Amino acid sequence: MPTTTGASPAATARRRRSRRKAPPPRQPWCCSFGLDPSTAAAAVASRSPLPAPPRAKPPHQLAPPLSRRIRSPGRVSPIDDPCFAAAASSCVSARLSSVTECPPPALPPPPPPPPAAAVDRPREMLRLRLVEKGLVLEVDEVERVRRESKVVRKVLRGRGGEVAVEGKVEVESFREVVEMMLEDKDETAAMRRLARGGVARAIGVLEVSLSLMFDRGVNNCLKYLEAVPWNESEEDIIKKLLSQHSSYEAAFRNLLARLQPQRPTSSAELVVELVDSITKGTNNNARKELRNLVNGILSKSSVYIKGDKELDKRSIYCICHSCLNSLVGLFEESSDLVPADQTSISSVGKGPLEGIYKLVEDTNWLLQILIDRQMGEEFVDAWANEKALRSMHEQVSPMVRHELSRISATVFIAMGNGKLHCTGDKRFSFFQAWFRPMLVDFSWLRRYPKGLNVTALEEGIGQALLTLTLAQQQMLFMEWFEAFSGQGRECPNLMRAFQLAEQGQGVLKEFYMQPLLQESWSFCVLG
């Protein structure tokens, strides 16, 4: 068939459209439109308003986009038709403009529901109860606490439970232990935590850790306490804790080295060494401070020496005898320098005198230590038998010899207070040796007391005199009458002791009514 070459392009297009005049195949509905594709062109031509679209469905319920649909074999998608595409785009634009200008964002799919077994399972909970404070601390990380504490491990056999903690501990210490269990095993961080709380808080943490058998907490507390100083009350608490938990004796080794001496006599030896260094020292201020230190160590509240058995009495007495021997040598030297009638210190060298003052001060201090610990009876006997010093008493100036009566004054006061339990013979021997020197030197002691209580001395002499036998009292009161009648208030006032003796013993009253003593007594009263 011949081909017409003169056909117009319009005729060619009409013939092509006539060959495609077949009925359109059935197509699925577009969920985004809600219209039949065959009426899309009519809707575009009429431009009539569209009815209200139905409520939009969620994104996950919409049909997949048209561009992703799989075409069946032998069928043609309406998207390929230019007319249908134009109509569809116009329809979409019209509907979007009528509903909203900005479609809502797509919501994420909801998370899947948890398994039924996880919802029904109860949560584990540990209750730590502080009995003294009435506090209950709930911990949900039961497994970590169970691994750290042996007590919790034994008590908790099921899902949670309660553990009671005894003892008077603070709430903050209780909380510190729980936080230490839950944190990482960092020793440096634990040391910083304990350092912020101080020694008292660390002792509380140690007590709770010992109660819960929390080994890591116990070791951290012991390491911290071993490196810091304590006071005496804190030391007593630590000793009590260590004695109550003997199972941790191996861990306590370093701490016990600070609390218990390696040898039983180490504290006593330390005291003896300090006392010896004080008596040999030359700096008065340093000696005074060291004496206060030794007095603190020997005090009844001290943690270093708790019993008389720990103080070496023999060593203290050896130091006392050394001081007395040195005192004899200085008195011999001063007797050549100071005549017995000299009462001025201006022309006397201060070397021997300062040595005497120092030795008397040290001897009185050692005597007071022995008296306080009820070990001074031997000194009374030794002082009563000190014949060298007693013989030199009359040969030396009163401004020097009255220092010997200062030692006797300490014995008189202690004997009058009942702190020296000497036998009657030893008491009378002491009075025979040093009662008359005391009557002579009393005025100098009143003038230069140096801390001596003169009123207590007078009362002590009288009370000690009343402990003797009647015959001994008669003899000593006779000496006092003779001195008092000649010196008056330069002698100690023993009238109170005399009145007590007169009221209590009728025999003494008859004795003192003799004419000679009555005359002396009248003179004493008038004087």
Protein backbone atom coordinates (compact mmCIF):
# COMPACT_ATOMS: atom_id res chain seq x y z
CA MET A 1 0.00 0.00 0.00
CA PRO A 2 1.42 3.33 -1.00
CA THR A 3 2.27 5.77 1.71
CA THR A 4 0.83 9.25 1.59
CA THR A 5 3.59 11.61 2.09
CA GLY A 6 1.40 14.72 2.06
CA ALA A 7 -0.62 13.87 5.15
CA SER A 8 -0.74 16.63 7.70
CA PRO A 9 0.61 16.16 11.21
CA ALA A 10 -2.88 16.68 12.66
CA ALA A 11 -4.26 13.80 10.63
CA THR A 12 -1.42 11.61 11.77
CA ALA A 13 -2.19 12.42 15.42
CA ARG A 14 -5.93 11.66 14.94
CA ARG A 15 -5.15 8.30 13.38
CA ARG A 16 -2.82 7.49 16.28
CA ARG A 17 -5.49 8.40 18.86
CA SER A 18 -8.14 6.33 17.00
CA ARG A 19 -5.97 3.25 17.24
CA ARG A 20 -5.77 3.73 21.10
CA LYS A 21 -9.53 4.03 21.51
CA ALA A 22 -9.67 0.78 23.60
CA PRO A 23 -11.51 0.78 27.02
CA PRO A 24 -9.20 1.57 29.92
CA PRO A 25 -8.28 -1.36 32.17
CA ARG A 26 -9.54 -1.55 35.76
CA GLN A 27 -7.19 0.27 38.14
CA PRO A 28 -7.03 0.22 42.04
CA TRP A 29 -8.24 3.26 44.01
CA CYS A 30 -5.71 5.70 45.30
CA CYS A 31 -5.95 6.02 49.05
CA SER A 32 -4.60 9.53 48.83
CA PHE A 33 -7.38 10.74 46.48
CA GLY A 34 -10.63 8.96 47.26
CA LEU A 35 -11.84 9.37 43.54
CA ASP A 36 -12.28 7.02 40.58
CA PRO A 37 -9.56 7.67 37.97
CA SER A 38 -12.13 7.69 35.16
CA THR A 39 -13.86 10.77 36.62
CA ALA A 40 -10.67 12.69 37.29
CA ALA A 41 -10.78 14.56 33.96
CA ALA A 42 -14.44 15.54 34.43
CA ALA A 43 -13.67 16.86 37.89
CA VAL A 44 -10.88 18.97 36.50
CA ALA A 45 -13.06 20.34 33.67
CA SER A 46 -16.04 21.26 35.83
CA ARG A 47 -13.89 22.79 38.62
CA SER A 48 -16.75 22.00 41.01
CA PRO A 49 -15.95 22.02 44.75
CA LEU A 50 -14.99 18.64 46.15
CA PRO A 51 -16.86 17.07 49.03
CA ALA A 52 -15.18 16.99 52.47
CA PRO A 53 -12.62 14.23 52.48
CA PRO A 54 -12.86 11.49 55.07
CA ARG A 55 -10.68 11.62 58.17
CA ALA A 56 -7.08 10.90 57.27
CA LYS A 57 -5.72 7.56 58.41
CA PRO A 58 -2.40 7.12 60.18
CA PRO A 59 0.63 6.88 57.93
CA HIS A 60 1.23 3.21 58.64
CA GLN A 61 -2.32 2.33 57.45
CA LEU A 62 -2.05 4.10 54.10
CA ALA A 63 -1.48 2.14 50.88
CA PRO A 64 2.01 2.29 49.41
CA PRO A 65 2.70 5.12 46.93
CA LEU A 66 1.70 4.54 43.33
CA SER A 67 5.23 4.80 42.12
CA ARG A 68 6.13 1.70 44.15
CA ARG A 69 3.26 -0.53 43.00
CA ILE A 70 4.04 -3.59 40.95
CA ARG A 71 2.37 -3.56 37.53
CA SER A 72 0.62 -6.67 36.34
CA PRO A 73 1.76 -8.11 32.98
CA GLY A 74 -0.22 -6.79 30.06
CA ARG A 75 -1.64 -3.85 31.95
CA VAL A 76 -0.71 -0.17 31.73
CA SER A 77 -0.53 2.10 34.75
CA PRO A 78 -2.73 5.22 34.57
CA ILE A 79 0.31 7.24 35.61
CA ASP A 80 1.62 6.78 32.05
CA ASP A 81 -1.39 8.56 30.60
CA PRO A 82 -0.66 12.31 30.36
CA CYS A 83 -4.31 13.24 30.82
CA PHE A 84 -4.71 11.12 33.92
CA ALA A 85 -1.48 12.49 35.41
CA ALA A 86 -2.62 16.08 34.87
CA ALA A 87 -6.02 15.36 36.39
CA ALA A 88 -4.50 13.56 39.33
CA SER A 89 -2.06 16.34 40.08
CA SER A 90 -4.86 18.93 39.90
CA CYS A 91 -6.98 16.83 42.25
CA VAL A 92 -4.16 16.46 44.75
CA SER A 93 -3.47 20.21 44.71
CA ALA A 94 -7.12 21.04 45.24
CA ARG A 95 -7.54 18.60 48.15
CA LEU A 96 -4.34 19.65 49.88
CA SER A 97 -5.31 23.31 49.67
CA SER A 98 -8.77 22.55 51.10
CA VAL A 99 -7.53 20.46 54.07
CA THR A 100 -4.28 22.02 55.22
CA GLU A 101 -1.30 23.70 53.77
CA CYS A 102 1.26 21.61 55.77
CA PRO A 103 0.66 17.92 56.35
CA PRO A 104 1.38 16.64 59.89
CA PRO A 105 4.72 14.90 60.38
CA ALA A 106 4.76 11.16 60.38
CA LEU A 107 4.71 9.70 63.92
CA PRO A 108 7.25 7.00 64.82
CA PRO A 109 5.85 3.57 65.38
CA PRO A 110 5.08 2.81 69.04
CA PRO A 111 7.63 0.66 70.91
CA PRO A 112 6.83 -2.97 71.30
CA PRO A 113 5.19 -3.89 74.61
CA PRO A 114 7.48 -5.50 77.24
CA PRO A 115 7.33 -9.21 77.75
CA ALA A 116 4.76 -10.43 80.20
CA ALA A 117 7.36 -12.14 82.40
CA ALA A 118 9.30 -8.88 82.99
CA VAL A 119 6.16 -6.99 84.07
CA ASP A 120 5.00 -9.59 86.53
CA ARG A 121 8.46 -10.10 88.20
CA PRO A 122 8.77 -8.12 91.53
CA ARG A 123 11.78 -5.81 91.98
CA GLU A 124 14.45 -6.85 94.48
CA MET A 125 14.86 -4.47 97.43
CA LEU A 126 17.31 -4.51 100.36
CA ARG A 127 16.39 -2.75 103.59
CA LEU A 128 19.28 -1.73 105.89
CA ARG A 129 17.90 -0.77 109.31
CA LEU A 130 19.92 1.29 111.78
CA VAL A 131 18.52 0.11 115.11
CA GLU A 132 19.75 2.94 117.35
CA LYS A 133 18.51 5.74 115.06
CA GLY A 134 15.37 4.00 113.75
CA LEU A 135 16.49 4.65 110.17
CA VAL A 136 15.76 2.34 107.23
CA LEU A 137 17.72 2.73 104.00
CA GLU A 138 16.37 0.94 100.93
CA VAL A 139 18.83 -0.18 98.26
CA ASP A 140 17.67 -1.58 94.92
CA GLU A 141 21.12 -2.70 93.73
CA VAL A 142 20.90 -5.78 95.88
CA GLU A 143 23.37 -7.87 93.93
CA ARG A 144 26.26 -5.40 94.34
CA VAL A 145 25.65 -5.09 98.06
CA ARG A 146 25.40 -8.86 98.37
CA ARG A 147 28.80 -9.25 96.74
CA GLU A 148 30.42 -6.70 99.09
CA SER A 149 28.91 -7.68 102.46
CA LYS A 150 29.20 -11.14 103.95
CA VAL A 151 26.34 -10.46 106.37
CA VAL A 152 23.98 -9.45 103.57
CA ARG A 153 25.06 -12.50 101.60
CA LYS A 154 24.05 -14.78 104.48
CA VAL A 155 20.76 -13.05 105.29
CA LEU A 156 19.45 -12.53 101.76
CA ARG A 157 18.63 -15.89 100.24
CA GLY A 158 15.56 -14.78 98.24
CA ARG A 159 14.43 -11.55 96.59
CA GLY A 160 15.55 -8.86 99.04
CA GLY A 161 15.14 -8.65 102.78
CA GLU A 162 16.19 -6.61 105.82
CA VAL A 163 19.52 -6.41 107.68
CA ALA A 164 19.77 -4.76 111.11
CA VAL A 165 22.89 -2.77 112.08
CA GLU A 166 23.57 -2.38 115.81
CA GLY A 167 25.66 0.30 117.50
CA LYS A 168 25.53 4.04 118.13
CA VAL A 169 26.65 5.32 114.75
CA GLU A 170 25.70 8.44 112.87
CA VAL A 171 23.35 8.43 109.91
CA GLU A 172 25.99 9.93 107.64
CA SER A 173 28.43 7.13 108.47
CA PHE A 174 25.71 4.62 107.65
CA ARG A 175 25.11 6.30 104.30
CA GLU A 176 28.84 6.48 103.55
CA VAL A 177 29.15 2.71 103.86
CA VAL A 178 26.30 2.07 101.42
CA GLU A 179 27.72 4.55 98.90
CA MET A 180 31.15 2.96 99.26
CA MET A 181 29.61 -0.44 98.45
CA LEU A 182 27.97 0.87 95.30
CA GLU A 183 30.94 2.82 93.93
CA ASP A 184 33.89 1.42 92.02
CA LYS A 185 36.81 -0.15 93.84
CA ASP A 186 38.97 2.96 93.76
CA GLU A 187 41.12 3.18 96.88
CA THR A 188 42.17 6.78 96.20
CA ALA A 189 38.55 7.93 95.96
CA ALA A 190 37.75 6.08 99.20
CA MET A 191 40.64 7.79 100.99
CA ARG A 192 39.43 11.20 99.81
CA ARG A 193 35.91 10.40 100.97
CA LEU A 194 37.14 9.43 104.44
CA ALA A 195 39.45 12.46 104.65
CA ARG A 196 36.51 14.80 104.02
CA GLY A 197 34.64 13.33 106.97
CA GLY A 198 37.55 13.28 109.42
CA VAL A 199 38.56 10.79 112.11
CA ALA A 200 35.19 10.69 113.89
CA ARG A 201 33.34 9.88 110.65
CA ALA A 202 35.94 7.26 109.71
CA ILE A 203 35.45 5.54 113.08
CA GLY A 204 31.69 5.44 112.44
CA VAL A 205 32.24 4.03 108.94
CA LEU A 206 34.59 1.42 110.42
CA GLU A 207 31.96 0.38 112.98
CA VAL A 208 29.26 -0.08 110.32
CA SER A 209 31.68 -1.89 108.00
CA LEU A 210 32.64 -4.28 110.78
CA SER A 211 28.97 -4.95 111.54
CA LEU A 212 28.21 -5.74 107.89
CA MET A 213 31.55 -7.54 107.37
CA PHE A 214 32.31 -5.19 104.50
CA ASP A 215 35.99 -6.08 104.03
CA ARG A 216 36.88 -3.37 101.53
CA GLY A 217 35.39 -0.68 103.78
CA VAL A 218 37.19 -2.07 106.82
CA ASN A 219 40.56 -2.04 105.05
CA ASN A 220 40.06 1.51 103.76
CA CYS A 221 39.11 2.79 107.21
CA LEU A 222 42.05 1.06 108.88
CA LYS A 223 44.48 2.45 106.33
CA TYR A 224 43.14 5.98 106.83
CA LEU A 225 43.08 5.81 110.64
CA GLU A 226 46.60 4.40 110.77
CA ALA A 227 47.92 7.50 108.96
CA VAL A 228 46.17 10.27 110.96
CA PRO A 229 46.47 11.41 114.61
CA TRP A 230 43.70 10.78 117.19
CA ASN A 231 42.76 12.25 120.53
CA GLU A 232 42.32 10.15 123.67
CA SER A 233 38.54 9.69 123.36
CA GLU A 234 38.87 8.57 119.74
CA GLU A 235 41.66 6.19 120.73
CA ASP A 236 39.43 4.60 123.39
CA ILE A 237 36.67 4.01 120.81
CA ILE A 238 39.14 2.44 118.37
CA LYS A 239 40.46 0.14 121.10
CA LYS A 240 36.92 -0.94 121.93
CA LEU A 241 36.11 -1.70 118.29
CA LEU A 242 39.26 -3.71 117.78
CA SER A 243 38.63 -5.76 120.92
CA GLN A 244 35.07 -6.60 119.81
CA HIS A 245 36.06 -7.95 116.36
CA SER A 246 38.89 -10.38 116.84
CA SER A 247 38.25 -11.99 113.44
CA TYR A 248 39.98 -9.00 111.80
CA GLU A 249 43.13 -9.32 113.92
CA ALA A 250 45.36 -9.68 110.85
CA ALA A 251 43.97 -6.47 109.35
CA PHE A 252 44.36 -4.68 112.71
CA ARG A 253 48.09 -5.39 112.92
CA ASN A 254 49.32 -1.95 111.82
CA LEU A 255 46.75 -0.15 113.94
CA LEU A 256 47.47 -2.23 117.02
CA ALA A 257 51.15 -1.27 116.75
CA ARG A 258 50.10 2.29 117.64
CA LEU A 259 47.89 1.17 120.53
CA GLN A 260 49.89 -1.57 122.21
CA PRO A 261 53.58 -1.35 123.11
CA GLN A 262 55.87 -3.98 121.70
CA ARG A 263 57.25 -4.60 125.20
CA PRO A 264 55.29 -4.39 128.47
CA THR A 265 57.68 -1.88 130.06
CA SER A 266 58.10 0.49 127.13
CA SER A 267 55.83 3.19 128.61
CA ALA A 268 57.54 3.01 132.00
CA GLU A 269 60.95 3.20 130.41
CA LEU A 270 59.87 6.25 128.45
CA VAL A 271 58.75 7.96 131.66
CA VAL A 272 62.03 7.17 133.39
CA GLU A 273 64.04 8.53 130.46
CA LEU A 274 61.99 11.72 130.41
CA VAL A 275 62.34 12.20 134.18
CA ASP A 276 66.08 11.66 134.02
CA SER A 277 66.46 14.15 131.16
CA ILE A 278 64.43 16.75 133.09
CA THR A 279 66.59 16.49 136.21
CA LYS A 280 69.72 16.88 134.09
CA GLY A 281 68.40 19.73 131.95
CA THR A 282 69.50 23.34 132.27
CA ASN A 283 66.79 25.28 130.42
CA ASN A 284 64.07 26.15 132.93
CA ASN A 285 61.34 26.73 130.36
CA ALA A 286 62.03 23.45 128.60
CA ARG A 287 62.14 21.58 131.91
CA LYS A 288 58.77 23.05 132.88
CA GLU A 289 57.16 21.97 129.62
CA LEU A 290 58.63 18.47 129.91
CA ARG A 291 57.33 18.18 133.48
CA ASN A 292 53.85 19.01 132.24
CA LEU A 293 54.26 16.36 129.57
CA VAL A 294 55.25 13.71 132.09
CA ASN A 295 52.39 14.72 134.39
CA GLY A 296 50.00 14.23 131.50
CA ILE A 297 51.42 10.80 130.76
CA LEU A 298 51.18 9.77 134.41
CA SER A 299 47.67 11.17 134.94
CA LYS A 300 44.89 8.74 135.75
CA SER A 301 43.02 9.58 132.54
CA SER A 302 46.02 8.90 130.35
CA VAL A 303 45.92 6.02 127.86
CA TYR A 304 49.64 5.35 128.17
CA ILE A 305 49.98 4.21 131.80
CA LYS A 306 46.93 2.80 133.53
CA GLY A 307 48.35 1.06 136.61
CA ASP A 308 50.99 1.46 139.28
CA LYS A 309 52.70 -1.71 138.10
CA GLU A 310 53.74 -0.02 134.87
CA LEU A 311 55.74 2.73 136.66
CA ASP A 312 59.22 1.62 137.62
CA LYS A 313 59.41 2.73 141.26
CA ARG A 314 63.03 1.66 141.64
CA SER A 315 64.15 3.87 138.78
CA ILE A 316 62.29 6.89 140.17
CA TYR A 317 63.88 6.39 143.59
CA CYS A 318 67.30 6.10 141.99
CA ILE A 319 66.78 9.52 140.41
CA CYS A 320 65.60 10.91 143.77
CA HIS A 321 68.73 9.67 145.56
CA SER A 322 70.85 11.16 142.78
CA CYS A 323 69.19 14.55 143.33
CA LEU A 324 69.76 14.34 147.09
CA ASN A 325 73.43 13.47 146.64
CA SER A 326 73.88 16.42 144.27
CA LEU A 327 72.09 18.60 146.80
CA VAL A 328 74.61 17.61 149.50
CA GLY A 329 77.49 18.67 147.26
CA LEU A 330 75.91 22.05 146.47
CA PHE A 331 75.20 22.72 150.16
CA GLU A 332 78.81 22.01 151.02
CA GLU A 333 79.87 24.49 148.34
CA SER A 334 77.37 27.14 149.45
CA SER A 335 78.34 26.81 153.12
CA ASP A 336 81.78 28.14 152.18
CA LEU A 337 80.33 30.96 150.10
CA VAL A 338 77.40 32.04 152.28
CA PRO A 339 77.96 32.53 156.03
CA ALA A 340 75.21 31.44 158.39
CA ASP A 341 74.42 35.03 159.42
CA GLN A 342 74.16 36.42 155.89
CA THR A 343 70.64 37.20 154.72
CA SER A 344 71.37 39.07 151.46
CA ILE A 345 71.88 37.41 148.12
CA SER A 346 73.57 40.39 146.43
CA SER A 347 77.12 39.34 147.29
CA VAL A 348 76.59 35.62 146.73
CA GLY A 349 77.33 33.80 143.49
CA LYS A 350 74.12 32.66 141.81
CA GLY A 351 75.62 29.44 140.45
CA PRO A 352 75.33 27.24 143.56
CA LEU A 353 72.05 28.83 144.62
CA GLU A 354 70.41 28.26 141.24
CA GLY A 355 71.58 24.66 141.36
CA ILE A 356 70.03 24.21 144.81
CA TYR A 357 66.73 25.75 143.67
CA LYS A 358 66.66 23.45 140.65
CA LEU A 359 67.42 20.29 142.64
CA VAL A 360 64.83 21.10 145.30
CA GLU A 361 62.24 21.74 142.61
CA ASP A 362 63.03 18.43 140.90
CA THR A 363 63.01 16.52 144.20
CA ASN A 364 59.62 17.94 145.16
CA TRP A 365 58.27 17.09 141.72
CA LEU A 366 59.48 13.47 141.95
CA LEU A 367 58.12 13.21 145.49
CA GLN A 368 54.71 14.40 144.30
CA ILE A 369 54.70 11.73 141.57
CA LEU A 370 55.43 9.07 144.18
CA ILE A 371 52.77 10.42 146.54
CA ASP A 372 50.10 10.55 143.84
CA ARG A 373 50.77 6.90 143.02
CA GLN A 374 50.93 5.91 146.72
CA MET A 375 54.60 5.01 146.57
CA GLY A 376 56.12 7.81 148.71
CA GLU A 377 56.54 6.01 152.03
CA GLU A 378 60.14 5.03 151.29
CA PHE A 379 61.05 8.65 150.62
CA VAL A 380 59.84 9.65 154.10
CA ASP A 381 62.23 7.14 155.62
CA ALA A 382 65.10 8.27 153.37
CA TRP A 383 64.49 11.97 154.13
CA ALA A 384 64.33 11.32 157.86
CA ASN A 385 67.73 9.61 157.69
CA GLU A 386 69.38 12.34 155.60
CA LYS A 387 71.94 13.25 158.29
CA ALA A 388 74.33 15.17 156.02
CA LEU A 389 71.79 17.75 154.94
CA ARG A 390 70.31 17.99 158.41
CA SER A 391 73.71 18.72 159.95
CA MET A 392 74.46 21.41 157.35
CA HIS A 393 71.13 23.09 157.92
CA GLU A 394 72.44 25.07 160.89
CA GLN A 395 75.66 26.05 159.09
CA VAL A 396 74.10 27.66 156.04
CA SER A 397 72.33 30.98 155.62
CA PRO A 398 68.53 30.82 156.10
CA MET A 399 68.02 32.09 152.55
CA VAL A 400 69.57 28.81 151.37
CA ARG A 401 68.61 26.31 154.05
CA HIS A 402 64.89 27.09 153.88
CA GLU A 403 64.87 25.23 150.55
CA LEU A 404 65.34 22.00 152.52
CA SER A 405 62.23 22.83 154.55
CA ARG A 406 60.41 23.22 151.25
CA ILE A 407 60.90 19.46 150.72
CA SER A 408 59.74 18.77 154.28
CA ALA A 409 56.63 20.91 153.64
CA THR A 410 55.56 18.54 150.85
CA VAL A 411 55.87 15.58 153.23
CA PHE A 412 53.94 17.37 156.02
CA ILE A 413 51.03 18.26 153.72
CA ALA A 414 50.80 14.74 152.27
CA MET A 415 51.02 13.16 155.72
CA GLY A 416 48.30 15.46 157.08
CA ASN A 417 46.01 14.62 154.13
CA GLY A 418 46.45 10.91 154.68
CA LYS A 419 48.28 10.27 151.40
CA LEU A 420 51.36 8.82 153.10
CA HIS A 421 50.70 5.63 155.04
CA CYS A 422 53.87 5.41 157.09
CA THR A 423 54.26 3.55 160.33
CA GLY A 424 54.24 5.47 163.60
CA ASP A 425 57.97 5.06 164.11
CA LYS A 426 58.76 6.49 160.68
CA ARG A 427 56.42 9.42 161.22
CA PHE A 428 58.03 10.25 164.55
CA SER A 429 61.52 9.91 163.07
CA PHE A 430 60.59 12.39 160.40
CA PHE A 431 59.28 14.85 163.00
CA GLN A 432 62.45 14.47 165.07
CA ALA A 433 64.62 15.28 162.05
CA TRP A 434 62.71 18.13 160.35
CA PHE A 435 60.13 19.61 162.75
CA ARG A 436 62.51 22.06 164.41
CA PRO A 437 64.07 23.21 161.05
CA MET A 438 60.50 23.86 159.84
CA LEU A 439 59.81 26.09 162.85
CA VAL A 440 62.95 28.09 162.03
CA ASP A 441 62.42 28.37 158.27
CA PHE A 442 58.66 28.97 158.26
CA SER A 443 59.01 32.74 157.99
CA TRP A 444 61.18 32.35 154.87
CA LEU A 445 58.66 29.98 153.31
CA ARG A 446 55.92 32.51 154.00
CA ARG A 447 58.03 35.26 152.42
CA TYR A 448 59.02 33.19 149.34
CA PRO A 449 56.32 30.55 148.89
CA LYS A 450 57.04 29.74 145.19
CA GLY A 451 53.67 28.12 144.83
CA LEU A 452 53.55 26.66 148.34
CA ASN A 453 50.21 26.97 150.16
CA VAL A 454 51.27 28.16 153.62
CA THR A 455 47.80 27.65 155.13
CA ALA A 456 47.72 24.05 153.90
CA LEU A 457 51.20 23.60 155.35
CA GLU A 458 50.08 24.76 158.82
CA GLU A 459 47.05 22.50 158.73
CA GLY A 460 49.13 19.57 157.46
CA ILE A 461 51.67 19.90 160.27
CA GLY A 462 48.91 19.95 162.89
CA GLN A 463 47.02 16.98 161.44
CA ALA A 464 50.21 14.94 161.06
CA LEU A 465 51.20 15.75 164.64
CA LEU A 466 47.87 14.40 165.92
CA THR A 467 48.62 10.98 164.38
CA LEU A 468 51.47 10.40 166.84
CA THR A 469 51.25 8.95 170.31
CA LEU A 470 50.35 11.14 173.29
CA ALA A 471 53.91 11.20 174.60
CA GLN A 472 55.26 12.16 171.20
CA GLN A 473 52.61 14.91 170.86
CA GLN A 474 53.60 16.31 174.27
CA MET A 475 57.25 16.57 173.26
CA LEU A 476 56.54 18.21 169.90
CA PHE A 477 54.01 20.67 171.29
CA MET A 478 56.66 21.66 173.87
CA GLU A 479 59.08 22.53 171.04
CA TRP A 480 56.39 24.53 169.27
CA PHE A 481 55.55 26.45 172.48
CA GLU A 482 59.17 27.43 172.94
CA ALA A 483 59.54 28.61 169.33
CA PHE A 484 56.16 30.35 169.25
CA SER A 485 56.84 32.21 172.50
CA GLY A 486 60.02 33.66 171.03
CA GLN A 487 59.05 34.21 167.36
CA GLY A 488 55.27 34.61 167.40
CA ARG A 489 53.76 34.53 163.92
CA GLU A 490 57.13 33.65 162.45
CA CYS A 491 56.26 30.09 163.46
CA PRO A 492 53.43 28.00 162.03
CA ASN A 493 50.11 28.38 163.83
CA LEU A 494 49.33 25.02 165.50
CA MET A 495 46.70 26.26 167.95
CA ARG A 496 43.89 24.49 166.15
CA ALA A 497 45.71 21.17 166.48
CA PHE A 498 46.45 21.91 170.15
CA GLN A 499 42.76 22.65 170.87
CA LEU A 500 41.72 19.40 169.23
CA ALA A 501 44.26 17.51 171.29
CA GLU A 502 43.12 19.27 174.49
CA GLN A 503 39.44 18.54 173.88
CA GLY A 504 40.03 14.92 173.03
CA GLN A 505 42.45 13.92 175.73
CA GLY A 506 41.99 14.77 179.39
CA VAL A 507 45.49 13.60 180.17
CA LEU A 508 46.95 16.24 177.92
CA LYS A 509 44.87 18.88 179.61
CA GLU A 510 46.29 18.02 183.03
CA PHE A 511 49.77 17.99 181.56
CA TYR A 512 49.44 21.41 179.94
CA MET A 513 48.10 22.96 183.14
CA GLN A 514 51.54 22.80 184.73
CA PRO A 515 52.77 26.23 185.82
CA LEU A 516 55.64 26.51 183.37
CA LEU A 517 53.54 25.64 180.34
CA GLN A 518 50.67 27.75 181.59
CA GLU A 519 52.95 30.79 181.60
CA SER A 520 54.18 30.01 178.10
CA TRP A 521 50.65 29.46 176.91
CA SER A 522 49.47 32.80 178.30
CA PHE A 523 52.36 34.56 176.56
CA CYS A 524 51.53 32.87 173.28
CA VAL A 525 47.88 33.88 173.50
CA LEU A 526 48.69 37.49 174.37
CA GLY A 527 51.36 37.64 171.68
